[in-house]
Amino acid sequence: MEGPVPSVWRPTLDAIVLRLVHGDYSLKSAISGVAPVSDETSREIKGNIGAYGATLVPLRAETWDSSVSIWQGDYWQVLVDLVTEEEGLSDLVLSAKIEEVAGGYQFEVYLVYVP
């Protein structure tokens, strides 16, 4: 079932995108509840953002109008529409898995790409 991204997840997703904006594609800088990204995935994210050819910027309020969460049976998948300086909302998306854990949520970034 597809729906909007819950507001409780948005600050963490904002923090993840801010790290990407600053070139921390591995997410090794601690964000509470966010798993670091593998070196291979980090290279893919960096390459996909670079190949897109626009400058990634922090998320804006309109991001949440088109971003979605999808229940996968035992976790949520989110597709967050990313923003670039040149275009505003872009074709790039952040794909992540979110699981409920004791005391909150665990976020795992899959990829940044153009679907």
PDB file of N, CA and C in Angstrom:
ATOM      1  N   MET A   1       0.834  -1.172   0.000  1.00  0.00           N
ATOM      2  CA  MET A   1       0.000   0.000   0.000  1.00  0.00           C
ATOM      3  C   MET A   1       0.886   1.245   0.000  1.00  0.00           C
ATOM      4  N   GLU A   2       0.607   2.173  -0.895  1.00  0.00           N
ATOM      5  CA  GLU A   2       1.398   3.389  -1.055  1.00  0.00           C
ATOM      6  C   GLU A   2       0.708   4.560  -0.385  1.00  0.00           C
ATOM      7  N   GLY A   3       1.506   5.423   0.264  1.00  0.00           N
ATOM      8  CA  GLY A   3       0.963   6.606   0.900  1.00  0.00           C
ATOM      9  C   GLY A   3       2.039   7.661   1.064  1.00  0.00           C
ATOM     10  N   PRO A   4       1.710   8.764   1.713  1.00  0.00           N
ATOM     11  CA  PRO A   4       2.698   9.820   1.936  1.00  0.00           C
ATOM     12  C   PRO A   4       3.779   9.363   2.920  1.00  0.00           C
ATOM     13  N   VAL A   5       4.891  10.064   2.923  1.00  0.00           N
ATOM     14  CA  VAL A   5       5.963   9.787   3.882  1.00  0.00           C
ATOM     15  C   VAL A   5       5.545  10.377   5.229  1.00  0.00           C
ATOM     16  N   PRO A   6       5.464   9.543   6.269  1.00  0.00           N
ATOM     17  CA  PRO A   6       5.044  10.054   7.580  1.00  0.00           C
ATOM     18  C   PRO A   6       5.958  11.171   8.089  1.00  0.00           C
ATOM     19  N   SER A   7       5.351  12.154   8.722  1.00  0.00           N
ATOM     20  CA  SER A   7       6.124  13.312   9.201  1.00  0.00           C
ATOM     21  C   SER A   7       7.180  12.925  10.220  1.00  0.00           C
ATOM     22  N   VAL A   8       6.993  11.844  10.964  1.00  0.00           N
ATOM     23  CA  VAL A   8       7.977  11.417  11.962  1.00  0.00           C
ATOM     24  C   VAL A   8       9.303  11.000  11.312  1.00  0.00           C
ATOM     25  N   TRP A   9       9.284  10.566  10.063  1.00  0.00           N
ATOM     26  CA  TRP A   9      10.502  10.156   9.362  1.00  0.00           C
ATOM     27  C   TRP A   9      11.199  11.312   8.650  1.00  0.00           C
ATOM     28  N   ARG A  10      10.509  12.388   8.434  1.00  0.00           N
ATOM     29  CA  ARG A  10      11.022  13.463   7.582  1.00  0.00           C
ATOM     30  C   ARG A  10      12.304  14.123   8.115  1.00  0.00           C
ATOM     31  N   PRO A  11      12.433  14.390   9.417  1.00  0.00           N
ATOM     32  CA  PRO A  11      13.695  14.990   9.881  1.00  0.00           C
ATOM     33  C   PRO A  11      14.915  14.104   9.607  1.00  0.00           C
ATOM     34  N   THR A  12      14.766  12.793   9.752  1.00  0.00           N
ATOM     35  CA  THR A  12      15.883  11.891   9.470  1.00  0.00           C
ATOM     36  C   THR A  12      16.186  11.871   7.979  1.00  0.00           C
ATOM     37  N   LEU A  13      15.170  11.833   7.145  1.00  0.00           N
ATOM     38  CA  LEU A  13      15.381  11.864   5.705  1.00  0.00           C
ATOM     39  C   LEU A  13      16.005  13.194   5.281  1.00  0.00           C
ATOM     40  N   ASP A  14      15.583  14.294   5.899  1.00  0.00           N
ATOM     41  CA  ASP A  14      16.223  15.605   5.651  1.00  0.00           C
ATOM     42  C   ASP A  14      17.707  15.544   5.987  1.00  0.00           C
ATOM     43  N   ALA A  15      18.046  14.929   7.135  1.00  0.00           N
ATOM     44  CA  ALA A  15      19.448  14.828   7.572  1.00  0.00           C
ATOM     45  C   ALA A  15      20.260  13.973   6.602  1.00  0.00           C
ATOM     46  N   ILE A  16      19.678  12.886   6.114  1.00  0.00           N
ATOM     47  CA  ILE A  16      20.369  12.036   5.143  1.00  0.00           C
ATOM     48  C   ILE A  16      20.683  12.838   3.885  1.00  0.00           C
ATOM     49  N   VAL A  17      19.687  13.539   3.361  1.00  0.00           N
ATOM     50  CA  VAL A  17      19.895  14.311   2.131  1.00  0.00           C
ATOM     51  C   VAL A  17      20.913  15.423   2.363  1.00  0.00           C
ATOM     52  N   LEU A  18      20.897  16.045   3.525  1.00  0.00           N
ATOM     53  CA  LEU A  18      21.885  17.087   3.821  1.00  0.00           C
ATOM     54  C   LEU A  18      23.300  16.515   3.768  1.00  0.00           C
ATOM     55  N   ARG A  19      23.500  15.305   4.273  1.00  0.00           N
ATOM     56  CA  ARG A  19      24.816  14.641   4.180  1.00  0.00           C
ATOM     57  C   ARG A  19      25.195  14.427   2.724  1.00  0.00           C
ATOM     58  N   LEU A  20      24.230  14.001   1.893  1.00  0.00           N
ATOM     59  CA  LEU A  20      24.515  13.801   0.473  1.00  0.00           C
ATOM     60  C   LEU A  20      24.877  15.120  -0.202  1.00  0.00           C
ATOM     61  N   VAL A  21      24.166  16.176   0.153  1.00  0.00           N
ATOM     62  CA  VAL A  21      24.459  17.505  -0.397  1.00  0.00           C
ATOM     63  C   VAL A  21      25.907  17.897  -0.105  1.00  0.00           C
ATOM     64  N   HIS A  22      26.401  17.518   1.081  1.00  0.00           N
ATOM     65  CA  HIS A  22      27.766  17.855   1.493  1.00  0.00           C
ATOM     66  C   HIS A  22      28.789  16.798   1.088  1.00  0.00           C
ATOM     67  N   GLY A  23      28.382  15.835   0.260  1.00  0.00           N
ATOM     68  CA  GLY A  23      29.322  14.857  -0.286  1.00  0.00           C
ATOM     69  C   GLY A  23      29.608  13.660   0.596  1.00  0.00           C
ATOM     70  N   ASP A  24      28.851  13.471   1.671  1.00  0.00           N
ATOM     71  CA  ASP A  24      29.024  12.295   2.533  1.00  0.00           C
ATOM     72  C   ASP A  24      28.124  11.180   2.005  1.00  0.00           C
ATOM     73  N   TYR A  25      28.558  10.545   0.906  1.00  0.00           N
ATOM     74  CA  TYR A  25      27.745   9.529   0.248  1.00  0.00           C
ATOM     75  C   TYR A  25      27.707   8.210   1.013  1.00  0.00           C
ATOM     76  N   SER A  26      28.638   8.008   1.935  1.00  0.00           N
ATOM     77  CA  SER A  26      28.683   6.774   2.719  1.00  0.00           C
ATOM     78  C   SER A  26      27.829   6.865   3.980  1.00  0.00           C
ATOM     79  N   LEU A  27      27.426   8.081   4.336  1.00  0.00           N
ATOM     80  CA  LEU A  27      26.643   8.333   5.551  1.00  0.00           C
ATOM     81  C   LEU A  27      27.340   7.788   6.794  1.00  0.00           C
ATOM     82  N   LYS A  28      28.670   7.844   6.778  1.00  0.00           N
ATOM     83  CA  LYS A  28      29.426   7.348   7.919  1.00  0.00           C
ATOM     84  C   LYS A  28      29.428   8.345   9.084  1.00  0.00           C
ATOM     85  N   SER A  29      29.114   9.611   8.804  1.00  0.00           N
ATOM     86  CA  SER A  29      28.916  10.577   9.887  1.00  0.00           C
ATOM     87  C   SER A  29      27.626  10.187  10.588  1.00  0.00           C
ATOM     88  N   ALA A  30      27.690  10.090  11.889  1.00  0.00           N
ATOM     89  CA  ALA A  30      26.575   9.519  12.648  1.00  0.00           C
ATOM     90  C   ALA A  30      25.285  10.323  12.508  1.00  0.00           C
ATOM     91  N   ILE A  31      24.242   9.644  12.063  1.00  0.00           N
ATOM     92  CA  ILE A  31      22.871  10.140  12.123  1.00  0.00           C
ATOM     93  C   ILE A  31      22.132   9.052  12.890  1.00  0.00           C
ATOM     94  N   SER A  32      21.526   9.408  13.972  1.00  0.00           N
ATOM     95  CA  SER A  32      20.855   8.426  14.816  1.00  0.00           C
ATOM     96  C   SER A  32      19.845   7.604  14.021  1.00  0.00           C
ATOM     97  N   GLY A  33      19.986   6.274  14.089  1.00  0.00           N
ATOM     98  CA  GLY A  33      19.052   5.381  13.428  1.00  0.00           C
ATOM     99  C   GLY A  33      19.311   5.141  11.958  1.00  0.00           C
ATOM    100  N   VAL A  34      20.441   5.640  11.425  1.00  0.00           N
ATOM    101  CA  VAL A  34      20.746   5.478  10.006  1.00  0.00           C
ATOM    102  C   VAL A  34      21.984   4.600   9.854  1.00  0.00           C
ATOM    103  N   ALA A  35      21.846   3.521   9.090  1.00  0.00           N
ATOM    104  CA  ALA A  35      22.964   2.619   8.833  1.00  0.00           C
ATOM    105  C   ALA A  35      23.919   3.248   7.820  1.00  0.00           C
ATOM    106  N   PRO A  36      25.239   3.090   8.027  1.00  0.00           N
ATOM    107  CA  PRO A  36      26.185   3.547   7.001  1.00  0.00           C
ATOM    108  C   PRO A  36      25.955   2.789   5.700  1.00  0.00           C
ATOM    109  N   VAL A  37      26.331   3.395   4.602  1.00  0.00           N
ATOM    110  CA  VAL A  37      26.169   2.813   3.274  1.00  0.00           C
ATOM    111  C   VAL A  37      27.472   2.102   2.903  1.00  0.00           C
ATOM    112  N   SER A  38      27.374   0.983   2.203  1.00  0.00           N
ATOM    113  CA  SER A  38      28.570   0.268   1.763  1.00  0.00           C
ATOM    114  C   SER A  38      29.379   1.138   0.799  1.00  0.00           C
ATOM    115  N   ASP A  39      30.660   0.820   0.655  1.00  0.00           N
ATOM    116  CA  ASP A  39      31.515   1.572  -0.264  1.00  0.00           C
ATOM    117  C   ASP A  39      30.994   1.483  -1.693  1.00  0.00           C
ATOM    118  N   GLU A  40      30.510   0.312  -2.095  1.00  0.00           N
ATOM    119  CA  GLU A  40      29.989   0.133  -3.446  1.00  0.00           C
ATOM    120  C   GLU A  40      28.753   1.005  -3.678  1.00  0.00           C
ATOM    121  N   THR A  41      27.820   0.989  -2.727  1.00  0.00           N
ATOM    122  CA  THR A  41      26.604   1.803  -2.862  1.00  0.00           C
ATOM    123  C   THR A  41      26.958   3.285  -2.822  1.00  0.00           C
ATOM    124  N   SER A  42      27.908   3.646  -1.971  1.00  0.00           N
ATOM    125  CA  SER A  42      28.360   5.037  -1.893  1.00  0.00           C
ATOM    126  C   SER A  42      28.882   5.520  -3.249  1.00  0.00           C
ATOM    127  N   ARG A  43      29.679   4.680  -3.910  1.00  0.00           N
ATOM    128  CA  ARG A  43      30.196   5.041  -5.238  1.00  0.00           C
ATOM    129  C   ARG A  43      29.065   5.171  -6.256  1.00  0.00           C
ATOM    130  N   GLU A  44      28.073   4.271  -6.176  1.00  0.00           N
ATOM    131  CA  GLU A  44      26.927   4.352  -7.089  1.00  0.00           C
ATOM    132  C   GLU A  44      26.137   5.637  -6.875  1.00  0.00           C
ATOM    133  N   ILE A  45      25.905   5.981  -5.611  1.00  0.00           N
ATOM    134  CA  ILE A  45      25.165   7.215  -5.300  1.00  0.00           C
ATOM    135  C   ILE A  45      25.916   8.423  -5.852  1.00  0.00           C
ATOM    136  N   LYS A  46      27.215   8.488  -5.561  1.00  0.00           N
ATOM    137  CA  LYS A  46      28.040   9.609  -6.043  1.00  0.00           C
ATOM    138  C   LYS A  46      28.006   9.675  -7.569  1.00  0.00           C
ATOM    139  N   GLY A  47      28.153   8.524  -8.218  1.00  0.00           N
ATOM    140  CA  GLY A  47      28.153   8.482  -9.678  1.00  0.00           C
ATOM    141  C   GLY A  47      26.823   8.897 -10.275  1.00  0.00           C
ATOM    142  N   ASN A  48      25.728   8.439  -9.678  1.00  0.00           N
ATOM    143  CA  ASN A  48      24.402   8.789 -10.197  1.00  0.00           C
ATOM    144  C   ASN A  48      24.100  10.270 -10.033  1.00  0.00           C
ATOM    145  N   ILE A  49      24.491  10.840  -8.903  1.00  0.00           N
ATOM    146  CA  ILE A  49      24.285  12.274  -8.695  1.00  0.00           C
ATOM    147  C   ILE A  49      25.149  13.060  -9.681  1.00  0.00           C
ATOM    148  N   GLY A  50      26.409  12.658  -9.830  1.00  0.00           N
ATOM    149  CA  GLY A  50      27.308  13.329 -10.768  1.00  0.00           C
ATOM    150  C   GLY A  50      26.817  13.232 -12.205  1.00  0.00           C
ATOM    151  N   ALA A  51      26.366  12.052 -12.612  1.00  0.00           N
ATOM    152  CA  ALA A  51      25.891  11.849 -13.986  1.00  0.00           C
ATOM    153  C   ALA A  51      24.618  12.639 -14.264  1.00  0.00           C
ATOM    154  N   TYR A  52      23.840  12.899 -13.219  1.00  0.00           N
ATOM    155  CA  TYR A  52      22.608  13.662 -13.412  1.00  0.00           C
ATOM    156  C   TYR A  52      22.921  15.086 -13.873  1.00  0.00           C
ATOM    157  N   GLY A  53      24.050  15.615 -13.407  1.00  0.00           N
ATOM    158  CA  GLY A  53      24.513  16.897 -13.921  1.00  0.00           C
ATOM    159  C   GLY A  53      23.875  18.128 -13.321  1.00  0.00           C
ATOM    160  N   ALA A  54      23.282  18.008 -12.146  1.00  0.00           N
ATOM    161  CA  ALA A  54      22.694  19.157 -11.465  1.00  0.00           C
ATOM    162  C   ALA A  54      23.161  19.138 -10.014  1.00  0.00           C
ATOM    163  N   THR A  55      23.060  20.275  -9.359  1.00  0.00           N
ATOM    164  CA  THR A  55      23.558  20.428  -7.993  1.00  0.00           C
ATOM    165  C   THR A  55      22.473  20.085  -6.983  1.00  0.00           C
ATOM    166  N   LEU A  56      22.709  19.026  -6.211  1.00  0.00           N
ATOM    167  CA  LEU A  56      21.773  18.605  -5.175  1.00  0.00           C
ATOM    168  C   LEU A  56      21.728  19.649  -4.063  1.00  0.00           C
ATOM    169  N   VAL A  57      20.535  19.968  -3.590  1.00  0.00           N
ATOM    170  CA  VAL A  57      20.346  20.923  -2.492  1.00  0.00           C
ATOM    171  C   VAL A  57      19.441  20.286  -1.438  1.00  0.00           C
ATOM    172  N   PRO A  58      19.382  20.872  -0.228  1.00  0.00           N
ATOM    173  CA  PRO A  58      18.500  20.317   0.811  1.00  0.00           C
ATOM    174  C   PRO A  58      17.048  20.234   0.342  1.00  0.00           C
ATOM    175  N   LEU A  59      16.321  19.311   0.954  1.00  0.00           N
ATOM    176  CA  LEU A  59      14.911  19.123   0.613  1.00  0.00           C
ATOM    177  C   LEU A  59      14.099  20.379   0.902  1.00  0.00           C
ATOM    178  N   ARG A  60      13.017  20.529   0.168  1.00  0.00           N
ATOM    179  CA  ARG A  60      12.076  21.630   0.373  1.00  0.00           C
ATOM    180  C   ARG A  60      10.725  21.040   0.756  1.00  0.00           C
ATOM    181  N   ALA A  61       9.839  21.869   1.238  1.00  0.00           N
ATOM    182  CA  ALA A  61       8.524  21.406   1.685  1.00  0.00           C
ATOM    183  C   ALA A  61       7.770  20.657   0.587  1.00  0.00           C
ATOM    184  N   GLU A  62       7.905  21.098  -0.664  1.00  0.00           N
ATOM    185  CA  GLU A  62       7.161  20.451  -1.743  1.00  0.00           C
ATOM    186  C   GLU A  62       7.625  19.021  -2.020  1.00  0.00           C
ATOM    187  N   THR A  63       8.790  18.660  -1.504  1.00  0.00           N
ATOM    188  CA  THR A  63       9.266  17.276  -1.640  1.00  0.00           C
ATOM    189  C   THR A  63       8.223  16.293  -1.136  1.00  0.00           C
ATOM    190  N   TRP A  64       7.593  16.633  -0.024  1.00  0.00           N
ATOM    191  CA  TRP A  64       6.681  15.691   0.633  1.00  0.00           C
ATOM    192  C   TRP A  64       5.352  15.547  -0.095  1.00  0.00           C
ATOM    193  N   ASP A  65       5.051  16.461  -1.028  1.00  0.00           N
ATOM    194  CA  ASP A  65       3.823  16.352  -1.799  1.00  0.00           C
ATOM    195  C   ASP A  65       3.874  15.192  -2.794  1.00  0.00           C
ATOM    196  N   SER A  66       5.072  14.834  -3.255  1.00  0.00           N
ATOM    197  CA  SER A  66       5.188  13.795  -4.286  1.00  0.00           C
ATOM    198  C   SER A  66       5.954  12.558  -3.829  1.00  0.00           C
ATOM    199  N   SER A  67       6.634  12.616  -2.694  1.00  0.00           N
ATOM    200  CA  SER A  67       7.375  11.465  -2.181  1.00  0.00           C
ATOM    201  C   SER A  67       6.397  10.454  -1.582  1.00  0.00           C
ATOM    202  N   VAL A  68       6.785   9.170  -1.598  1.00  0.00           N
ATOM    203  CA  VAL A  68       5.866   8.129  -1.144  1.00  0.00           C
ATOM    204  C   VAL A  68       6.550   7.126  -0.217  1.00  0.00           C
ATOM    205  N   SER A  69       5.720   6.478   0.586  1.00  0.00           N
ATOM    206  CA  SER A  69       6.153   5.319   1.369  1.00  0.00           C
ATOM    207  C   SER A  69       5.304   4.134   0.926  1.00  0.00           C
ATOM    208  N   ILE A  70       5.935   2.965   0.869  1.00  0.00           N
ATOM    209  CA  ILE A  70       5.263   1.775   0.372  1.00  0.00           C
ATOM    210  C   ILE A  70       5.503   0.641   1.357  1.00  0.00           C
ATOM    211  N   TRP A  71       4.432   0.058   1.889  1.00  0.00           N
ATOM    212  CA  TRP A  71       4.545  -1.055   2.826  1.00  0.00           C
ATOM    213  C   TRP A  71       4.949  -2.311   2.051  1.00  0.00           C
ATOM    214  N   GLN A  72       6.014  -2.972   2.507  1.00  0.00           N
ATOM    215  CA  GLN A  72       6.537  -4.145   1.821  1.00  0.00           C
ATOM    216  C   GLN A  72       6.301  -5.443   2.602  1.00  0.00           C
ATOM    217  N   GLY A  73       5.437  -5.416   3.593  1.00  0.00           N
ATOM    218  CA  GLY A  73       5.120  -6.613   4.350  1.00  0.00           C
ATOM    219  C   GLY A  73       5.753  -6.662   5.721  1.00  0.00           C
ATOM    220  N   ASP A  74       7.049  -6.283   5.808  1.00  0.00           N
ATOM    221  CA  ASP A  74       7.698  -6.220   7.115  1.00  0.00           C
ATOM    222  C   ASP A  74       8.601  -4.998   7.270  1.00  0.00           C
ATOM    223  N   TYR A  75       8.571  -4.123   6.296  1.00  0.00           N
ATOM    224  CA  TYR A  75       9.287  -2.846   6.369  1.00  0.00           C
ATOM    225  C   TYR A  75       8.639  -1.872   5.383  1.00  0.00           C
ATOM    226  N   TRP A  76       9.027  -0.607   5.510  1.00  0.00           N
ATOM    227  CA  TRP A  76       8.561   0.433   4.589  1.00  0.00           C
ATOM    228  C   TRP A  76       9.681   0.772   3.620  1.00  0.00           C
ATOM    229  N   GLN A  77       9.331   0.985   2.371  1.00  0.00           N
ATOM    230  CA  GLN A  77      10.256   1.548   1.402  1.00  0.00           C
ATOM    231  C   GLN A  77       9.807   2.973   1.152  1.00  0.00           C
ATOM    232  N   VAL A  78      10.754   3.910   1.123  1.00  0.00           N
ATOM    233  CA  VAL A  78      10.400   5.285   0.783  1.00  0.00           C
ATOM    234  C   VAL A  78      11.128   5.691  -0.488  1.00  0.00           C
ATOM    235  N   LEU A  79      10.452   6.482  -1.282  1.00  0.00           N
ATOM    236  CA  LEU A  79      11.024   7.119  -2.458  1.00  0.00           C
ATOM    237  C   LEU A  79      10.844   8.616  -2.256  1.00  0.00           C
ATOM    238  N   VAL A  80      11.969   9.284  -2.012  1.00  0.00           N
ATOM    239  CA  VAL A  80      11.953  10.710  -1.696  1.00  0.00           C
ATOM    240  C   VAL A  80      12.434  11.475  -2.921  1.00  0.00           C
ATOM    241  N   ASP A  81      11.596  12.356  -3.429  1.00  0.00           N
ATOM    242  CA  ASP A  81      11.968  13.181  -4.580  1.00  0.00           C
ATOM    243  C   ASP A  81      12.987  14.223  -4.146  1.00  0.00           C
ATOM    244  N   LEU A  82      14.137  14.223  -4.832  1.00  0.00           N
ATOM    245  CA  LEU A  82      15.219  15.130  -4.465  1.00  0.00           C
ATOM    246  C   LEU A  82      15.112  16.455  -5.218  1.00  0.00           C
ATOM    247  N   VAL A  83      15.815  17.441  -4.698  1.00  0.00           N
ATOM    248  CA  VAL A  83      15.744  18.807  -5.208  1.00  0.00           C
ATOM    249  C   VAL A  83      17.126  19.222  -5.714  1.00  0.00           C
ATOM    250  N   THR A  84      17.160  19.900  -6.862  1.00  0.00           N
ATOM    251  CA  THR A  84      18.419  20.447  -7.360  1.00  0.00           C
ATOM    252  C   THR A  84      18.294  21.961  -7.492  1.00  0.00           C
ATOM    253  N   GLU A  85      19.446  22.593  -7.452  1.00  0.00           N
ATOM    254  CA  GLU A  85      19.504  24.053  -7.580  1.00  0.00           C
ATOM    255  C   GLU A  85      18.926  24.497  -8.917  1.00  0.00           C
ATOM    256  N   GLU A  86      19.209  23.743  -9.955  1.00  0.00           N
ATOM    257  CA  GLU A  86      18.813  24.137 -11.302  1.00  0.00           C
ATOM    258  C   GLU A  86      17.336  23.891 -11.602  1.00  0.00           C
ATOM    259  N   GLU A  87      16.749  22.837 -11.015  1.00  0.00           N
ATOM    260  CA  GLU A  87      15.403  22.425 -11.410  1.00  0.00           C
ATOM    261  C   GLU A  87      14.336  22.548 -10.332  1.00  0.00           C
ATOM    262  N   GLY A  88      14.733  22.669  -9.080  1.00  0.00           N
ATOM    263  CA  GLY A  88      13.760  22.463  -8.008  1.00  0.00           C
ATOM    264  C   GLY A  88      13.577  20.962  -7.884  1.00  0.00           C
ATOM    265  N   LEU A  89      12.336  20.491  -7.801  1.00  0.00           N
ATOM    266  CA  LEU A  89      12.117  19.045  -7.763  1.00  0.00           C
ATOM    267  C   LEU A  89      12.709  18.417  -9.015  1.00  0.00           C
ATOM    268  N   SER A  90      13.463  17.354  -8.826  1.00  0.00           N
ATOM    269  CA  SER A  90      14.168  16.723  -9.942  1.00  0.00           C
ATOM    270  C   SER A  90      13.622  15.326 -10.194  1.00  0.00           C
ATOM    271  N   ASP A  91      14.240  14.629 -11.144  1.00  0.00           N
ATOM    272  CA  ASP A  91      13.897  13.237 -11.412  1.00  0.00           C
ATOM    273  C   ASP A  91      14.643  12.289 -10.482  1.00  0.00           C
ATOM    274  N   LEU A  92      15.637  12.789  -9.753  1.00  0.00           N
ATOM    275  CA  LEU A  92      16.386  11.960  -8.810  1.00  0.00           C
ATOM    276  C   LEU A  92      15.529  11.597  -7.609  1.00  0.00           C
ATOM    277  N   VAL A  93      15.655  10.359  -7.134  1.00  0.00           N
ATOM    278  CA  VAL A  93      14.972   9.947  -5.912  1.00  0.00           C
ATOM    279  C   VAL A  93      15.968   9.265  -4.976  1.00  0.00           C
ATOM    280  N   LEU A  94      15.683   9.392  -3.700  1.00  0.00           N
ATOM    281  CA  LEU A  94      16.378   8.646  -2.662  1.00  0.00           C
ATOM    282  C   LEU A  94      15.485   7.460  -2.320  1.00  0.00           C
ATOM    283  N   SER A  95      16.035   6.263  -2.425  1.00  0.00           N
ATOM    284  CA  SER A  95      15.296   5.050  -2.063  1.00  0.00           C
ATOM    285  C   SER A  95      15.878   4.523  -0.760  1.00  0.00           C
ATOM    286  N   ALA A  96      15.005   4.282   0.218  1.00  0.00           N
ATOM    287  CA  ALA A  96      15.467   3.796   1.517  1.00  0.00           C
ATOM    288  C   ALA A  96      14.461   2.823   2.114  1.00  0.00           C
ATOM    289  N   LYS A  97      14.977   1.984   2.995  1.00  0.00           N
ATOM    290  CA  LYS A  97      14.176   1.023   3.751  1.00  0.00           C
ATOM    291  C   LYS A  97      14.072   1.527   5.181  1.00  0.00           C
ATOM    292  N   ILE A  98      12.887   1.451   5.759  1.00  0.00           N
ATOM    293  CA  ILE A  98      12.684   1.885   7.142  1.00  0.00           C
ATOM    294  C   ILE A  98      11.993   0.756   7.896  1.00  0.00           C
ATOM    295  N   GLU A  99      12.610   0.367   9.004  1.00  0.00           N
ATOM    296  CA  GLU A  99      12.054  -0.679   9.851  1.00  0.00           C
ATOM    297  C   GLU A  99      11.800  -0.123  11.245  1.00  0.00           C
ATOM    298  N   GLU A 100      10.726  -0.601  11.869  1.00  0.00           N
ATOM    299  CA  GLU A 100      10.474  -0.259  13.268  1.00  0.00           C
ATOM    300  C   GLU A 100      11.404  -1.088  14.140  1.00  0.00           C
ATOM    301  N   VAL A 101      12.068  -0.428  15.083  1.00  0.00           N
ATOM    302  CA  VAL A 101      12.925  -1.095  16.063  1.00  0.00           C
ATOM    303  C   VAL A 101      12.556  -0.558  17.437  1.00  0.00           C
ATOM    304  N   ALA A 102      13.045  -1.217  18.463  1.00  0.00           N
ATOM    305  CA  ALA A 102      12.761  -0.758  19.828  1.00  0.00           C
ATOM    306  C   ALA A 102      13.173   0.705  19.965  1.00  0.00           C
ATOM    307  N   GLY A 103      12.237   1.532  20.358  1.00  0.00           N
ATOM    308  CA  GLY A 103      12.536   2.944  20.581  1.00  0.00           C
ATOM    309  C   GLY A 103      12.556   3.817  19.347  1.00  0.00           C
ATOM    310  N   GLY A 104      12.173   3.298  18.177  1.00  0.00           N
ATOM    311  CA  GLY A 104      12.166   4.170  17.011  1.00  0.00           C
ATOM    312  C   GLY A 104      12.207   3.435  15.693  1.00  0.00           C
ATOM    313  N   TYR A 105      13.049   3.938  14.780  1.00  0.00           N
ATOM    314  CA  TYR A 105      13.124   3.417  13.426  1.00  0.00           C
ATOM    315  C   TYR A 105      14.580   3.261  13.010  1.00  0.00           C
ATOM    316  N   GLN A 106      14.822   2.294  12.126  1.00  0.00           N
ATOM    317  CA  GLN A 106      16.141   2.093  11.522  1.00  0.00           C
ATOM    318  C   GLN A 106      16.020   2.392  10.032  1.00  0.00           C
ATOM    319  N   PHE A 107      16.878   3.270   9.531  1.00  0.00           N
ATOM    320  CA  PHE A 107      16.876   3.683   8.131  1.00  0.00           C
ATOM    321  C   PHE A 107      18.065   3.065   7.418  1.00  0.00           C
ATOM    322  N   GLU A 108      17.824   2.537   6.230  1.00  0.00           N
ATOM    323  CA  GLU A 108      18.889   1.991   5.391  1.00  0.00           C
ATOM    324  C   GLU A 108      18.717   2.552   3.987  1.00  0.00           C
ATOM    325  N   VAL A 109      19.691   3.322   3.536  1.00  0.00           N
ATOM    326  CA  VAL A 109      19.627   3.919   2.203  1.00  0.00           C
ATOM    327  C   VAL A 109      20.011   2.858   1.177  1.00  0.00           C
ATOM    328  N   TYR A 110      19.145   2.680   0.176  1.00  0.00           N
ATOM    329  CA  TYR A 110      19.444   1.748  -0.922  1.00  0.00           C
ATOM    330  C   TYR A 110      20.245   2.418  -2.020  1.00  0.00           C
ATOM    331  N   LEU A 111      19.750   3.588  -2.491  1.00  0.00           N
ATOM    332  CA  LEU A 111      20.362   4.209  -3.655  1.00  0.00           C
ATOM    333  C   LEU A 111      19.758   5.582  -3.911  1.00  0.00           C
ATOM    334  N   VAL A 112      20.462   6.400  -4.661  1.00  0.00           N
ATOM    335  CA  VAL A 112      19.935   7.626  -5.260  1.00  0.00           C
ATOM    336  C   VAL A 112      20.036   7.394  -6.759  1.00  0.00           C
ATOM    337  N   TYR A 113      18.913   7.565  -7.457  1.00  0.00           N
ATOM    338  CA  TYR A 113      18.894   7.249  -8.883  1.00  0.00           C
ATOM    339  C   TYR A 113      17.697   7.926  -9.545  1.00  0.00           C
ATOM    340  N   VAL A 114      17.653   7.802 -10.874  1.00  0.00           N
ATOM    341  CA  VAL A 114      16.491   8.237 -11.641  1.00  0.00           C
ATOM    342  C   VAL A 114      15.710   6.981 -11.992  1.00  0.00           C
ATOM    343  N   PRO A 115      14.485   6.833 -11.499  1.00  0.00           N
ATOM    344  CA  PRO A 115      13.704   5.616 -11.789  1.00  0.00           C
ATOM    345  C   PRO A 115      13.312   5.521 -13.257  1.00  0.00           C
TER     346      PRO A 115
END
